[in-house]
Amino acid sequence: MTPTAGQLRSLSGAAKAFRAFHIGIALVDIVALIYIWACGVSGRRGRLLPAAIGALVVEGAALIVGRGNCPLGPLQARVGDPTPLFELVLPKRAAKAAVPVLSAISIAGIALAVARGRVGE
């Protein structure tokens, strides 16, 4: 179940700031994933491709450290926000599946971009 506006208002300033920071990281990762797939589908290696891949590799390393869970989750709970990030927009079951599904999509996109990419385009 997604949180209500009342639950958001009840968060402390630190919890709201941390949630915004966490959402910012997620947005960077989503943009990176879209860019990687665009490069893979078009067959072009854009100048930002290494940075986009790097962002997803860092995210993947964080998930390994967190044993499949975002390591920011416990920090988020510690500052007073108990709702996992994916549960803000997805039902609990779908939120649990999001990490493995997005990991597979990321790996496939990176492989496609690297395999099909033409240098200098």
C-alpha atoms as a PDB file:
ATOM      1  CA  MET A   1       0.000   0.000   0.000  1.00  0.00           C
ATOM      2  CA  THR A   2       1.385   3.396  -0.886  1.00  0.00           C
ATOM      3  CA  PRO A   3       1.679   6.010   1.858  1.00  0.00           C
ATOM      4  CA  THR A   4      -0.925   8.723   2.185  1.00  0.00           C
ATOM      5  CA  ALA A   5      -0.328  12.478   2.183  1.00  0.00           C
ATOM      6  CA  GLY A   6      -0.950  12.427   5.943  1.00  0.00           C
ATOM      7  CA  GLN A   7       1.891   9.946   6.404  1.00  0.00           C
ATOM      8  CA  LEU A   8       4.183  12.216   4.410  1.00  0.00           C
ATOM      9  CA  ARG A   9       3.275  15.201   6.574  1.00  0.00           C
ATOM     10  CA  SER A  10       4.084  13.192   9.695  1.00  0.00           C
ATOM     11  CA  LEU A  11       7.705  12.648   8.594  1.00  0.00           C
ATOM     12  CA  SER A  12      10.415  14.730  10.252  1.00  0.00           C
ATOM     13  CA  GLY A  13      12.406  17.218   8.214  1.00  0.00           C
ATOM     14  CA  ALA A  14      15.386  14.849   8.228  1.00  0.00           C
ATOM     15  CA  ALA A  15      13.220  11.976   6.985  1.00  0.00           C
ATOM     16  CA  LYS A  16      11.760  14.121   4.199  1.00  0.00           C
ATOM     17  CA  ALA A  17      15.250  15.300   3.176  1.00  0.00           C
ATOM     18  CA  PHE A  18      16.583  11.750   3.153  1.00  0.00           C
ATOM     19  CA  ARG A  19      13.594  10.551   1.133  1.00  0.00           C
ATOM     20  CA  ALA A  20      14.209  13.339  -1.406  1.00  0.00           C
ATOM     21  CA  PHE A  21      17.901  12.380  -1.592  1.00  0.00           C
ATOM     22  CA  HIS A  22      16.987   8.710  -2.081  1.00  0.00           C
ATOM     23  CA  ILE A  23      14.444   9.597  -4.783  1.00  0.00           C
ATOM     24  CA  GLY A  24      17.113  11.723  -6.490  1.00  0.00           C
ATOM     25  CA  ILE A  25      19.436   8.716  -6.670  1.00  0.00           C
ATOM     26  CA  ALA A  26      16.615   6.600  -8.084  1.00  0.00           C
ATOM     27  CA  LEU A  27      15.886   9.213 -10.758  1.00  0.00           C
ATOM     28  CA  VAL A  28      19.550   9.323 -11.795  1.00  0.00           C
ATOM     29  CA  ASP A  29      19.511   5.534 -12.097  1.00  0.00           C
ATOM     30  CA  ILE A  30      16.303   5.560 -14.167  1.00  0.00           C
ATOM     31  CA  VAL A  31      17.702   8.198 -16.531  1.00  0.00           C
ATOM     32  CA  ALA A  32      20.943   6.218 -16.816  1.00  0.00           C
ATOM     33  CA  LEU A  33      19.005   3.050 -17.637  1.00  0.00           C
ATOM     34  CA  ILE A  34      16.929   4.794 -20.301  1.00  0.00           C
ATOM     35  CA  TYR A  35      20.079   6.314 -21.831  1.00  0.00           C
ATOM     36  CA  ILE A  36      21.869   2.960 -21.878  1.00  0.00           C
ATOM     37  CA  TRP A  37      18.940   1.330 -23.642  1.00  0.00           C
ATOM     38  CA  ALA A  38      18.728   4.218 -26.123  1.00  0.00           C
ATOM     39  CA  CYS A  39      22.407   3.710 -26.942  1.00  0.00           C
ATOM     40  CA  GLY A  40      21.896  -0.032 -27.259  1.00  0.00           C
ATOM     41  CA  VAL A  41      18.856   0.210 -29.493  1.00  0.00           C
ATOM     42  CA  SER A  42      20.371   2.919 -31.705  1.00  0.00           C
ATOM     43  CA  GLY A  43      23.753   1.204 -31.866  1.00  0.00           C
ATOM     44  CA  ARG A  44      25.512   4.417 -30.871  1.00  0.00           C
ATOM     45  CA  ARG A  45      27.827   4.972 -27.959  1.00  0.00           C
ATOM     46  CA  GLY A  46      27.008   8.416 -26.700  1.00  0.00           C
ATOM     47  CA  ARG A  47      29.536  10.421 -24.711  1.00  0.00           C
ATOM     48  CA  LEU A  48      27.580   9.876 -21.510  1.00  0.00           C
ATOM     49  CA  LEU A  49      27.421   6.087 -21.856  1.00  0.00           C
ATOM     50  CA  PRO A  50      30.409   5.381 -19.556  1.00  0.00           C
ATOM     51  CA  ALA A  51      28.921   7.608 -16.849  1.00  0.00           C
ATOM     52  CA  ALA A  52      25.502   5.970 -17.207  1.00  0.00           C
ATOM     53  CA  ILE A  53      27.024   2.504 -16.969  1.00  0.00           C
ATOM     54  CA  GLY A  54      29.108   3.651 -14.009  1.00  0.00           C
ATOM     55  CA  ALA A  55      26.005   4.873 -12.181  1.00  0.00           C
ATOM     56  CA  LEU A  56      24.319   1.505 -12.580  1.00  0.00           C
ATOM     57  CA  VAL A  57      27.486  -0.388 -11.601  1.00  0.00           C
ATOM     58  CA  VAL A  58      27.676   1.683  -8.394  1.00  0.00           C
ATOM     59  CA  GLU A  59      24.002   0.948  -7.734  1.00  0.00           C
ATOM     60  CA  GLY A  60      24.649  -2.758  -8.360  1.00  0.00           C
ATOM     61  CA  ALA A  61      27.583  -2.729  -5.946  1.00  0.00           C
ATOM     62  CA  ALA A  62      25.384  -1.071  -3.311  1.00  0.00           C
ATOM     63  CA  LEU A  63      22.775  -3.787  -3.790  1.00  0.00           C
ATOM     64  CA  ILE A  64      25.453  -6.449  -3.355  1.00  0.00           C
ATOM     65  CA  VAL A  65      26.572  -4.764  -0.123  1.00  0.00           C
ATOM     66  CA  GLY A  66      22.923  -4.710   0.963  1.00  0.00           C
ATOM     67  CA  ARG A  67      22.490  -8.386   0.000  1.00  0.00           C
ATOM     68  CA  GLY A  68      19.816  -7.563  -2.545  1.00  0.00           C
ATOM     69  CA  ASN A  69      18.280  -4.697  -0.603  1.00  0.00           C
ATOM     70  CA  CYS A  70      19.146  -1.049  -0.915  1.00  0.00           C
ATOM     71  CA  PRO A  71      21.620  -0.218   1.850  1.00  0.00           C
ATOM     72  CA  LEU A  72      19.949   3.186   2.241  1.00  0.00           C
ATOM     73  CA  GLY A  73      16.756   1.506   3.510  1.00  0.00           C
ATOM     74  CA  PRO A  74      17.991   1.024   7.101  1.00  0.00           C
ATOM     75  CA  LEU A  75      19.358   4.577   7.150  1.00  0.00           C
ATOM     76  CA  GLN A  76      16.029   5.845   5.867  1.00  0.00           C
ATOM     77  CA  ALA A  77      14.220   3.970   8.658  1.00  0.00           C
ATOM     78  CA  ARG A  78      16.696   5.306  11.226  1.00  0.00           C
ATOM     79  CA  VAL A  79      15.808   8.914  10.333  1.00  0.00           C
ATOM     80  CA  GLY A  80      12.124   8.117  10.728  1.00  0.00           C
ATOM     81  CA  ASP A  81      10.890   7.005   7.296  1.00  0.00           C
ATOM     82  CA  PRO A  82       9.903   3.322   7.536  1.00  0.00           C
ATOM     83  CA  THR A  83       8.467   3.044   4.002  1.00  0.00           C
ATOM     84  CA  PRO A  84      10.887   1.432   1.501  1.00  0.00           C
ATOM     85  CA  LEU A  85      11.369   3.580  -1.595  1.00  0.00           C
ATOM     86  CA  PHE A  86       9.761   1.195  -4.098  1.00  0.00           C
ATOM     87  CA  GLU A  87       6.731   0.834  -1.822  1.00  0.00           C
ATOM     88  CA  LEU A  88       6.015   4.531  -2.359  1.00  0.00           C
ATOM     89  CA  VAL A  89       4.912   3.739  -5.914  1.00  0.00           C
ATOM     90  CA  LEU A  90       4.376  -0.029  -6.055  1.00  0.00           C
ATOM     91  CA  PRO A  91       2.411  -2.612  -4.092  1.00  0.00           C
ATOM     92  CA  LYS A  92       4.567  -4.564  -1.622  1.00  0.00           C
ATOM     93  CA  ARG A  93       4.877  -7.691  -3.813  1.00  0.00           C
ATOM     94  CA  ALA A  94       5.876  -5.685  -6.903  1.00  0.00           C
ATOM     95  CA  ALA A  95       8.291  -3.610  -4.805  1.00  0.00           C
ATOM     96  CA  LYS A  96      10.055  -6.816  -3.700  1.00  0.00           C
ATOM     97  CA  ALA A  97      10.376  -7.898  -7.350  1.00  0.00           C
ATOM     98  CA  ALA A  98      11.647  -4.514  -8.536  1.00  0.00           C
ATOM     99  CA  VAL A  99      15.324  -5.021  -7.644  1.00  0.00           C
ATOM    100  CA  PRO A 100      15.820  -8.340  -9.485  1.00  0.00           C
ATOM    101  CA  VAL A 101      13.744  -7.177 -12.461  1.00  0.00           C
ATOM    102  CA  LEU A 102      15.580  -3.842 -12.774  1.00  0.00           C
ATOM    103  CA  SER A 103      18.915  -5.614 -12.314  1.00  0.00           C
ATOM    104  CA  ALA A 104      18.154  -7.939 -15.219  1.00  0.00           C
ATOM    105  CA  ILE A 105      16.988  -5.022 -17.383  1.00  0.00           C
ATOM    106  CA  SER A 106      20.166  -3.106 -16.501  1.00  0.00           C
ATOM    107  CA  ILE A 107      22.477  -6.005 -17.317  1.00  0.00           C
ATOM    108  CA  ALA A 108      20.687  -6.633 -20.620  1.00  0.00           C
ATOM    109  CA  GLY A 109      20.822  -2.950 -21.561  1.00  0.00           C
ATOM    110  CA  ILE A 110      24.518  -2.640 -20.764  1.00  0.00           C
ATOM    111  CA  ALA A 111      25.276  -5.803 -22.743  1.00  0.00           C
ATOM    112  CA  LEU A 112      23.275  -4.505 -25.707  1.00  0.00           C
ATOM    113  CA  ALA A 113      24.903  -1.063 -25.628  1.00  0.00           C
ATOM    114  CA  VAL A 114      28.392  -2.544 -25.447  1.00  0.00           C
ATOM    115  CA  ALA A 115      27.755  -5.219 -28.095  1.00  0.00           C
ATOM    116  CA  ARG A 116      26.030  -2.972 -30.641  1.00  0.00           C
ATOM    117  CA  GLY A 117      27.774   0.292 -29.980  1.00  0.00           C
ATOM    118  CA  ARG A 118      29.892   2.025 -32.590  1.00  0.00           C
ATOM    119  CA  VAL A 119      32.707   4.111 -31.202  1.00  0.00           C
ATOM    120  CA  GLY A 120      32.741   7.802 -32.092  1.00  0.00           C
ATOM    121  CA  GLU A 121      29.056   8.227 -32.833  1.00  0.00           C
END
